[in-house]
């Protein structure tokens, strides 16, 4: 797997190359490039240009034309920028306020490759006003390496459910980092989503590693129009943070 602690991560996507700066010495985990973001992008990149396009099991997944997406826990921006390069019409990159300077720095750093400044927004997962300000629902919700604190997974699942369209999907790059958070996360997901695990052999061989997985989540049919009480239940885990609207990166 091509993951390093070096200050800059180079990530080839299609014919382009992202250059993502990280700060592993920061007190915020969001200023480091977490490996599942690379695993997710390179899985999608691999199947965007398969050896035999006529036999591409992920062709439907990679039809990004006209699709809107939002990323939760963006961090340095590697996954969101990578998916945009793979054809998304629009994506909003979100994280908590302390991570925004690192994210915006990387968006500026990669603007010549992206050819535009992607949108960013401060988002605390239990803040309904912030969720509404993003103008959901989205075709795709992206999240990588976001399940590691048990107390936050209710907020996370609630945000995913509130943001994704009834016929949309969640692209999840995943590694088990806390058994307690893992158990609670999948219990809550089971109430709302149907999960599909990507076969490990379908991941990019140069980026995949044993502990990393990619999941595709879709809303259950009976939860297509999710009951407001269920959203409130998933998000009712503590005080809400201050509101902030979507702004250019």
C-alpha atoms as a PDB file:
ATOM      1  CA  UNK A   1       0.000   0.000   0.000  1.00  0.00           C
ATOM      2  CA  UNK A   2       1.267   3.458  -0.916  1.00  0.00           C
ATOM      3  CA  UNK A   3       0.807   5.311   2.361  1.00  0.00           C
ATOM      4  CA  UNK A   4       3.482   7.352   4.015  1.00  0.00           C
ATOM      5  CA  UNK A   5       4.089   9.724   6.904  1.00  0.00           C
ATOM      6  CA  UNK A   6       5.838  12.169   4.587  1.00  0.00           C
ATOM      7  CA  UNK A   7       4.558  15.773   4.627  1.00  0.00           C
ATOM      8  CA  UNK A   8       3.077  15.462   1.128  1.00  0.00           C
ATOM      9  CA  UNK A   9       1.034  12.574  -0.308  1.00  0.00           C
ATOM     10  CA  UNK A  10       0.988  12.250  -4.095  1.00  0.00           C
ATOM     11  CA  UNK A  11      -2.204  10.596  -5.345  1.00  0.00           C
ATOM     12  CA  UNK A  12      -2.628   9.827  -9.066  1.00  0.00           C
ATOM     13  CA  UNK A  13      -6.266   9.934 -10.188  1.00  0.00           C
ATOM     14  CA  UNK A  14      -6.987   9.265 -13.836  1.00  0.00           C
ATOM     15  CA  UNK A  15      -4.580  11.411 -15.819  1.00  0.00           C
ATOM     16  CA  UNK A  16      -4.162  13.893 -12.968  1.00  0.00           C
ATOM     17  CA  UNK A  17      -2.133  13.887  -9.773  1.00  0.00           C
ATOM     18  CA  UNK A  18      -3.220  15.327  -6.448  1.00  0.00           C
ATOM     19  CA  UNK A  19      -0.636  16.674  -4.032  1.00  0.00           C
ATOM     20  CA  UNK A  20      -2.021  16.577  -0.496  1.00  0.00           C
ATOM     21  CA  UNK A  21      -0.120  18.182   2.357  1.00  0.00           C
ATOM     22  CA  UNK A  22      -0.578  16.717   5.830  1.00  0.00           C
ATOM     23  CA  UNK A  23       0.534  17.587   9.344  1.00  0.00           C
ATOM     24  CA  UNK A  24       0.936  14.455  11.443  1.00  0.00           C
ATOM     25  CA  UNK A  25       2.143  16.519  14.387  1.00  0.00           C
ATOM     26  CA  UNK A  26      -1.117  18.432  14.710  1.00  0.00           C
ATOM     27  CA  UNK A  27      -3.491  17.880  17.632  1.00  0.00           C
ATOM     28  CA  UNK A  28      -6.330  17.345  15.136  1.00  0.00           C
ATOM     29  CA  UNK A  29      -6.641  13.943  13.430  1.00  0.00           C
ATOM     30  CA  UNK A  30      -8.182  15.665  10.415  1.00  0.00           C
ATOM     31  CA  UNK A  31      -4.887  17.215   9.375  1.00  0.00           C
ATOM     32  CA  UNK A  32      -3.444  13.803   8.459  1.00  0.00           C
ATOM     33  CA  UNK A  33      -4.267  11.813   5.323  1.00  0.00           C
ATOM     34  CA  UNK A  34      -5.938   8.676   6.639  1.00  0.00           C
ATOM     35  CA  UNK A  35      -5.297   5.602   4.497  1.00  0.00           C
ATOM     36  CA  UNK A  36      -8.889   4.589   3.746  1.00  0.00           C
ATOM     37  CA  UNK A  37      -9.361   7.793   1.767  1.00  0.00           C
ATOM     38  CA  UNK A  38      -6.666   6.588  -0.634  1.00  0.00           C
ATOM     39  CA  UNK A  39      -8.130   3.071  -0.743  1.00  0.00           C
ATOM     40  CA  UNK A  40     -11.568   4.407  -1.707  1.00  0.00           C
ATOM     41  CA  UNK A  41     -10.297   6.775  -4.393  1.00  0.00           C
ATOM     42  CA  UNK A  42      -8.027   4.188  -5.980  1.00  0.00           C
ATOM     43  CA  UNK A  43     -10.784   1.543  -5.953  1.00  0.00           C
ATOM     44  CA  UNK A  44     -12.999   3.921  -7.935  1.00  0.00           C
ATOM     45  CA  UNK A  45     -10.114   5.023 -10.144  1.00  0.00           C
ATOM     46  CA  UNK A  46      -9.304   1.405 -10.964  1.00  0.00           C
ATOM     47  CA  UNK A  47     -12.827   0.658 -12.183  1.00  0.00           C
ATOM     48  CA  UNK A  48     -13.213   3.985 -13.968  1.00  0.00           C
ATOM     49  CA  UNK A  49     -10.752   2.559 -16.505  1.00  0.00           C
ATOM     50  CA  UNK A  50     -11.139  -1.236 -16.360  1.00  0.00           C
ATOM     51  CA  UNK A  51      -9.206  -3.538 -18.725  1.00  0.00           C
ATOM     52  CA  UNK A  52     -12.508  -4.732 -20.209  1.00  0.00           C
ATOM     53  CA  UNK A  53     -15.191  -1.998 -20.069  1.00  0.00           C
ATOM     54  CA  UNK A  54     -17.818  -4.502 -21.219  1.00  0.00           C
ATOM     55  CA  UNK A  55     -17.362  -6.454 -17.984  1.00  0.00           C
ATOM     56  CA  UNK A  56     -17.270  -3.727 -15.355  1.00  0.00           C
ATOM     57  CA  UNK A  57     -19.294  -4.675 -12.242  1.00  0.00           C
ATOM     58  CA  UNK A  58     -19.039  -1.102 -10.959  1.00  0.00           C
ATOM     59  CA  UNK A  59     -20.093   0.780 -14.098  1.00  0.00           C
ATOM     60  CA  UNK A  60     -23.355   1.874 -12.436  1.00  0.00           C
ATOM     61  CA  UNK A  61     -21.461   3.081  -9.376  1.00  0.00           C
ATOM     62  CA  UNK A  62     -19.099   5.218 -11.439  1.00  0.00           C
ATOM     63  CA  UNK A  63     -21.757   7.028 -13.437  1.00  0.00           C
ATOM     64  CA  UNK A  64     -21.062  10.336 -11.703  1.00  0.00           C
ATOM     65  CA  UNK A  65     -22.500  12.516 -14.486  1.00  0.00           C
ATOM     66  CA  UNK A  66     -24.707  15.215 -13.017  1.00  0.00           C
ATOM     67  CA  UNK A  67     -24.310  13.807  -9.488  1.00  0.00           C
ATOM     68  CA  UNK A  68     -24.017  15.937  -6.341  1.00  0.00           C
ATOM     69  CA  UNK A  69     -22.012  14.660  -3.396  1.00  0.00           C
ATOM     70  CA  UNK A  70     -21.060  15.649   0.123  1.00  0.00           C
ATOM     71  CA  UNK A  71     -18.134  14.314   2.130  1.00  0.00           C
ATOM     72  CA  UNK A  72     -18.247  13.904   5.902  1.00  0.00           C
ATOM     73  CA  UNK A  73     -15.014  14.225   7.870  1.00  0.00           C
ATOM     74  CA  UNK A  74     -13.087  15.416   4.830  1.00  0.00           C
ATOM     75  CA  UNK A  75      -9.836  16.134   6.640  1.00  0.00           C
ATOM     76  CA  UNK A  76      -7.125  17.084   4.160  1.00  0.00           C
ATOM     77  CA  UNK A  77      -9.492  16.517   1.232  1.00  0.00           C
ATOM     78  CA  UNK A  78      -7.895  13.573  -0.571  1.00  0.00           C
ATOM     79  CA  UNK A  79     -11.092  11.535  -1.042  1.00  0.00           C
ATOM     80  CA  UNK A  80     -13.338  14.436  -1.998  1.00  0.00           C
ATOM     81  CA  UNK A  81     -10.875  15.887  -4.482  1.00  0.00           C
ATOM     82  CA  UNK A  82     -10.245  12.447  -5.940  1.00  0.00           C
ATOM     83  CA  UNK A  83     -13.935  11.733  -6.490  1.00  0.00           C
ATOM     84  CA  UNK A  84     -14.425  15.129  -8.086  1.00  0.00           C
ATOM     85  CA  UNK A  85     -11.669  14.310 -10.587  1.00  0.00           C
ATOM     86  CA  UNK A  86     -13.526  11.084 -11.399  1.00  0.00           C
ATOM     87  CA  UNK A  87     -16.479  13.039 -12.745  1.00  0.00           C
ATOM     88  CA  UNK A  88     -18.772  14.386 -10.026  1.00  0.00           C
ATOM     89  CA  UNK A  89     -20.720  17.472 -11.042  1.00  0.00           C
ATOM     90  CA  UNK A  90     -20.344  18.988  -7.583  1.00  0.00           C
ATOM     91  CA  UNK A  91     -19.112  18.060  -4.115  1.00  0.00           C
ATOM     92  CA  UNK A  92     -19.177  19.841  -0.766  1.00  0.00           C
ATOM     93  CA  UNK A  93     -16.317  18.986   1.587  1.00  0.00           C
ATOM     94  CA  UNK A  94     -17.206  19.179   5.279  1.00  0.00           C
ATOM     95  CA  UNK A  95     -15.429  18.860   8.604  1.00  0.00           C
ATOM     96  CA  UNK A  96     -15.200  20.540  11.993  1.00  0.00           C
ATOM     97  CA  UNK A  97     -13.972  24.125  12.205  1.00  0.00           C
ATOM     98  CA  UNK A  98     -10.381  23.447  13.397  1.00  0.00           C
ATOM     99  CA  UNK A  99      -9.677  21.332  10.294  1.00  0.00           C
ATOM    100  CA  UNK A 100     -10.830  23.962   7.777  1.00  0.00           C
ATOM    101  CA  UNK A 101      -7.470  25.760   7.369  1.00  0.00           C
ATOM    102  CA  UNK A 102      -5.709  22.519   6.346  1.00  0.00           C
ATOM    103  CA  UNK A 103      -8.533  21.604   3.965  1.00  0.00           C
ATOM    104  CA  UNK A 104      -8.623  25.006   2.299  1.00  0.00           C
ATOM    105  CA  UNK A 105      -4.847  24.992   1.974  1.00  0.00           C
ATOM    106  CA  UNK A 106      -5.009  21.719   0.045  1.00  0.00           C
ATOM    107  CA  UNK A 107      -7.840  22.946  -2.167  1.00  0.00           C
ATOM    108  CA  UNK A 108      -5.755  25.984  -3.069  1.00  0.00           C
ATOM    109  CA  UNK A 109      -2.691  23.784  -3.583  1.00  0.00           C
ATOM    110  CA  UNK A 110      -4.603  21.576  -6.039  1.00  0.00           C
ATOM    111  CA  UNK A 111      -6.680  24.221  -7.807  1.00  0.00           C
ATOM    112  CA  UNK A 112      -4.628  23.920 -11.038  1.00  0.00           C
ATOM    113  CA  UNK A 113      -5.540  20.211 -11.146  1.00  0.00           C
ATOM    114  CA  UNK A 114      -9.155  20.619 -10.033  1.00  0.00           C
ATOM    115  CA  UNK A 115      -9.664  23.692 -12.260  1.00  0.00           C
ATOM    116  CA  UNK A 116     -12.038  25.172  -9.707  1.00  0.00           C
ATOM    117  CA  UNK A 117     -12.310  25.816  -5.988  1.00  0.00           C
ATOM    118  CA  UNK A 118     -14.476  23.127  -4.419  1.00  0.00           C
ATOM    119  CA  UNK A 119     -17.084  24.107  -1.836  1.00  0.00           C
ATOM    120  CA  UNK A 120     -16.423  23.628   1.866  1.00  0.00           C
ATOM    121  CA  UNK A 121     -18.626  23.809   4.942  1.00  0.00           C
ATOM    122  CA  UNK A 122     -18.201  23.420   8.673  1.00  0.00           C
ATOM    123  CA  UNK A 123     -20.355  20.500   9.797  1.00  0.00           C
ATOM    124  CA  UNK A 124     -20.895  18.968  13.204  1.00  0.00           C
ATOM    125  CA  UNK A 125     -22.906  15.836  12.551  1.00  0.00           C
ATOM    126  CA  UNK A 126     -25.555  16.509  15.198  1.00  0.00           C
ATOM    127  CA  UNK A 127     -26.284  20.058  14.009  1.00  0.00           C
ATOM    128  CA  UNK A 128     -29.537  20.051  12.069  1.00  0.00           C
ATOM    129  CA  UNK A 129     -29.168  23.670  10.935  1.00  0.00           C
ATOM    130  CA  UNK A 130     -25.779  22.960   9.400  1.00  0.00           C
ATOM    131  CA  UNK A 131     -27.148  19.866   7.661  1.00  0.00           C
ATOM    132  CA  UNK A 132     -30.042  21.874   6.193  1.00  0.00           C
ATOM    133  CA  UNK A 133     -27.660  24.611   5.005  1.00  0.00           C
ATOM    134  CA  UNK A 134     -25.962  22.055   2.736  1.00  0.00           C
ATOM    135  CA  UNK A 135     -29.177  21.783   0.670  1.00  0.00           C
ATOM    136  CA  UNK A 136     -29.711  18.023   0.855  1.00  0.00           C
ATOM    137  CA  UNK A 137     -30.471  15.472  -0.348  1.00  0.00           C
ATOM    138  CA  UNK A 138     -27.338  14.401  -2.227  1.00  0.00           C
ATOM    139  CA  UNK A 139     -26.846  11.614  -4.732  1.00  0.00           C
ATOM    140  CA  UNK A 140     -23.726  10.445  -2.906  1.00  0.00           C
ATOM    141  CA  UNK A 141     -22.390  10.770   0.638  1.00  0.00           C
ATOM    142  CA  UNK A 142     -18.670  10.068   1.032  1.00  0.00           C
ATOM    143  CA  UNK A 143     -16.986   9.138   4.319  1.00  0.00           C
ATOM    144  CA  UNK A 144     -13.620   7.511   5.041  1.00  0.00           C
ATOM    145  CA  UNK A 145     -11.998   6.583   8.355  1.00  0.00           C
ATOM    146  CA  UNK A 146     -14.731   8.292  10.383  1.00  0.00           C
ATOM    147  CA  UNK A 147     -15.727   5.523  12.827  1.00  0.00           C
ATOM    148  CA  UNK A 148     -13.443   5.551  15.849  1.00  0.00           C
ATOM    149  CA  UNK A 149     -15.352   7.271  18.689  1.00  0.00           C
ATOM    150  CA  UNK A 150     -18.396   5.403  19.999  1.00  0.00           C
ATOM    151  CA  UNK A 151     -20.169   8.553  21.181  1.00  0.00           C
ATOM    152  CA  UNK A 152     -20.114  10.089  17.685  1.00  0.00           C
ATOM    153  CA  UNK A 153     -21.505   7.239  15.591  1.00  0.00           C
ATOM    154  CA  UNK A 154     -25.148   8.101  16.285  1.00  0.00           C
ATOM    155  CA  UNK A 155     -24.527  11.599  14.953  1.00  0.00           C
ATOM    156  CA  UNK A 156     -22.699  10.162  11.948  1.00  0.00           C
ATOM    157  CA  UNK A 157     -25.420   7.715  10.928  1.00  0.00           C
ATOM    158  CA  UNK A 158     -28.070  10.383  11.466  1.00  0.00           C
ATOM    159  CA  UNK A 159     -26.178  12.812   9.237  1.00  0.00           C
ATOM    160  CA  UNK A 160     -25.684  10.207   6.510  1.00  0.00           C
ATOM    161  CA  UNK A 161     -29.389   9.344   6.552  1.00  0.00           C
ATOM    162  CA  UNK A 162     -30.433  12.998   6.455  1.00  0.00           C
ATOM    163  CA  UNK A 163     -28.056  13.918   3.627  1.00  0.00           C
ATOM    164  CA  UNK A 164     -28.445  11.061   1.132  1.00  0.00           C
ATOM    165  CA  UNK A 165     -31.294  10.732  -1.368  1.00  0.00           C
ATOM    166  CA  UNK A 166     -33.738   7.875  -0.974  1.00  0.00           C
ATOM    167  CA  UNK A 167     -32.202   6.280  -4.076  1.00  0.00           C
ATOM    168  CA  UNK A 168     -28.686   7.569  -3.417  1.00  0.00           C
ATOM    169  CA  UNK A 169     -25.722   5.841  -1.826  1.00  0.00           C
ATOM    170  CA  UNK A 170     -23.021   6.206   0.782  1.00  0.00           C
ATOM    171  CA  UNK A 171     -19.439   5.381  -0.215  1.00  0.00           C
ATOM    172  CA  UNK A 172     -17.609   4.346   2.936  1.00  0.00           C
ATOM    173  CA  UNK A 173     -13.891   3.707   3.309  1.00  0.00           C
ATOM    174  CA  UNK A 174     -13.604   1.714   6.511  1.00  0.00           C
ATOM    175  CA  UNK A 175     -11.125   0.302   8.989  1.00  0.00           C
ATOM    176  CA  UNK A 176     -11.986  -1.082  12.417  1.00  0.00           C
ATOM    177  CA  UNK A 177     -10.345   1.274  14.900  1.00  0.00           C
ATOM    178  CA  UNK A 178     -12.565   0.843  17.965  1.00  0.00           C
ATOM    179  CA  UNK A 179     -14.534  -2.361  18.640  1.00  0.00           C
ATOM    180  CA  UNK A 180     -17.136  -0.408  20.623  1.00  0.00           C
ATOM    181  CA  UNK A 181     -17.595   2.234  17.917  1.00  0.00           C
ATOM    182  CA  UNK A 182     -17.650  -0.448  15.233  1.00  0.00           C
ATOM    183  CA  UNK A 183     -20.383  -2.442  16.972  1.00  0.00           C
ATOM    184  CA  UNK A 184     -22.570   0.597  17.611  1.00  0.00           C
ATOM    185  CA  UNK A 185     -22.065   1.990  14.106  1.00  0.00           C
ATOM    186  CA  UNK A 186     -23.197  -1.161  12.343  1.00  0.00           C
ATOM    187  CA  UNK A 187     -26.118  -1.615  14.742  1.00  0.00           C
ATOM    188  CA  UNK A 188     -27.399   1.838  13.811  1.00  0.00           C
ATOM    189  CA  UNK A 189     -26.653   1.391  10.118  1.00  0.00           C
ATOM    190  CA  UNK A 190     -28.690  -1.812  10.151  1.00  0.00           C
ATOM    191  CA  UNK A 191     -31.768   0.245  11.056  1.00  0.00           C
ATOM    192  CA  UNK A 192     -31.427   2.527   8.038  1.00  0.00           C
ATOM    193  CA  UNK A 193     -29.140   1.071   5.366  1.00  0.00           C
ATOM    194  CA  UNK A 194     -28.471  -2.053   3.382  1.00  0.00           C
ATOM    195  CA  UNK A 195     -24.722  -2.590   3.096  1.00  0.00           C
ATOM    196  CA  UNK A 196     -22.690  -4.083   0.286  1.00  0.00           C
ATOM    197  CA  UNK A 197     -19.046  -4.925   0.926  1.00  0.00           C
ATOM    198  CA  UNK A 198     -16.698  -4.549  -2.027  1.00  0.00           C
ATOM    199  CA  UNK A 199     -14.663  -7.686  -2.652  1.00  0.00           C
ATOM    200  CA  UNK A 200     -11.116  -7.187  -1.449  1.00  0.00           C
ATOM    201  CA  UNK A 201      -9.716  -8.382  -4.764  1.00  0.00           C
ATOM    202  CA  UNK A 202     -11.598  -5.532  -6.472  1.00  0.00           C
ATOM    203  CA  UNK A 203      -9.674  -2.891  -4.538  1.00  0.00           C
ATOM    204  CA  UNK A 204      -6.603  -1.367  -6.158  1.00  0.00           C
ATOM    205  CA  UNK A 205      -3.779  -3.858  -5.531  1.00  0.00           C
ATOM    206  CA  UNK A 206      -1.187  -1.152  -4.891  1.00  0.00           C
ATOM    207  CA  UNK A 207      -3.299   0.610  -2.256  1.00  0.00           C
ATOM    208  CA  UNK A 208      -5.362  -2.131  -0.614  1.00  0.00           C
ATOM    209  CA  UNK A 209      -4.329  -3.602   2.726  1.00  0.00           C
ATOM    210  CA  UNK A 210      -5.849  -6.298   4.879  1.00  0.00           C
ATOM    211  CA  UNK A 211      -7.606  -4.089   7.424  1.00  0.00           C
ATOM    212  CA  UNK A 212      -9.235  -1.712   4.921  1.00  0.00           C
ATOM    213  CA  UNK A 213     -12.644  -2.190   3.332  1.00  0.00           C
ATOM    214  CA  UNK A 214     -14.992  -0.267   1.078  1.00  0.00           C
ATOM    215  CA  UNK A 215     -18.735  -0.432   1.696  1.00  0.00           C
ATOM    216  CA  UNK A 216     -21.641   0.816  -0.385  1.00  0.00           C
ATOM    217  CA  UNK A 217     -24.669   1.726   1.728  1.00  0.00           C
ATOM    218  CA  UNK A 218     -28.183   2.259   0.373  1.00  0.00           C
ATOM    219  CA  UNK A 219     -31.315   3.209   2.273  1.00  0.00           C
ATOM    220  CA  UNK A 220     -33.648   0.369   3.080  1.00  0.00           C
ATOM    221  CA  UNK A 221     -36.868   0.444   1.083  1.00  0.00           C
ATOM    222  CA  UNK A 222     -38.984   0.865   4.180  1.00  0.00           C
ATOM    223  CA  UNK A 223     -36.775   3.802   5.212  1.00  0.00           C
ATOM    224  CA  UNK A 224     -36.700   5.645   1.867  1.00  0.00           C
ATOM    225  CA  UNK A 225     -38.658   8.445   3.509  1.00  0.00           C
ATOM    226  CA  UNK A 226     -36.999   8.290   6.868  1.00  0.00           C
ATOM    227  CA  UNK A 227     -39.280   9.086   9.785  1.00  0.00           C
ATOM    228  CA  UNK A 228     -38.357  12.372  11.456  1.00  0.00           C
ATOM    229  CA  UNK A 229     -38.474  10.708  14.860  1.00  0.00           C
ATOM    230  CA  UNK A 230     -35.778   8.252  13.733  1.00  0.00           C
ATOM    231  CA  UNK A 231     -33.511  11.107  12.568  1.00  0.00           C
ATOM    232  CA  UNK A 232     -33.997  12.840  15.905  1.00  0.00           C
ATOM    233  CA  UNK A 233     -33.243   9.598  17.753  1.00  0.00           C
ATOM    234  CA  UNK A 234     -29.980   9.093  15.872  1.00  0.00           C
ATOM    235  CA  UNK A 235     -28.899  12.695  16.417  1.00  0.00           C
ATOM    236  CA  UNK A 236     -30.020  13.113  20.026  1.00  0.00           C
ATOM    237  CA  UNK A 237     -26.624  12.575  21.625  1.00  0.00           C
ATOM    238  CA  UNK A 238     -25.585  15.942  22.998  1.00  0.00           C
ATOM    239  CA  UNK A 239     -25.471  19.716  22.425  1.00  0.00           C
ATOM    240  CA  UNK A 240     -25.365  21.113  18.913  1.00  0.00           C
ATOM    241  CA  UNK A 241     -22.486  23.217  17.649  1.00  0.00           C
ATOM    242  CA  UNK A 242     -22.754  26.626  15.997  1.00  0.00           C
ATOM    243  CA  UNK A 243     -24.165  26.934  12.490  1.00  0.00           C
ATOM    244  CA  UNK A 244     -22.221  27.841   9.371  1.00  0.00           C
ATOM    245  CA  UNK A 245     -23.248  27.905   5.714  1.00  0.00           C
ATOM    246  CA  UNK A 246     -21.617  26.446   2.628  1.00  0.00           C
ATOM    247  CA  UNK A 247     -18.808  28.656   1.345  1.00  0.00           C
ATOM    248  CA  UNK A 248     -16.265  28.411  -1.473  1.00  0.00           C
ATOM    249  CA  UNK A 249     -13.065  26.611  -0.447  1.00  0.00           C
END
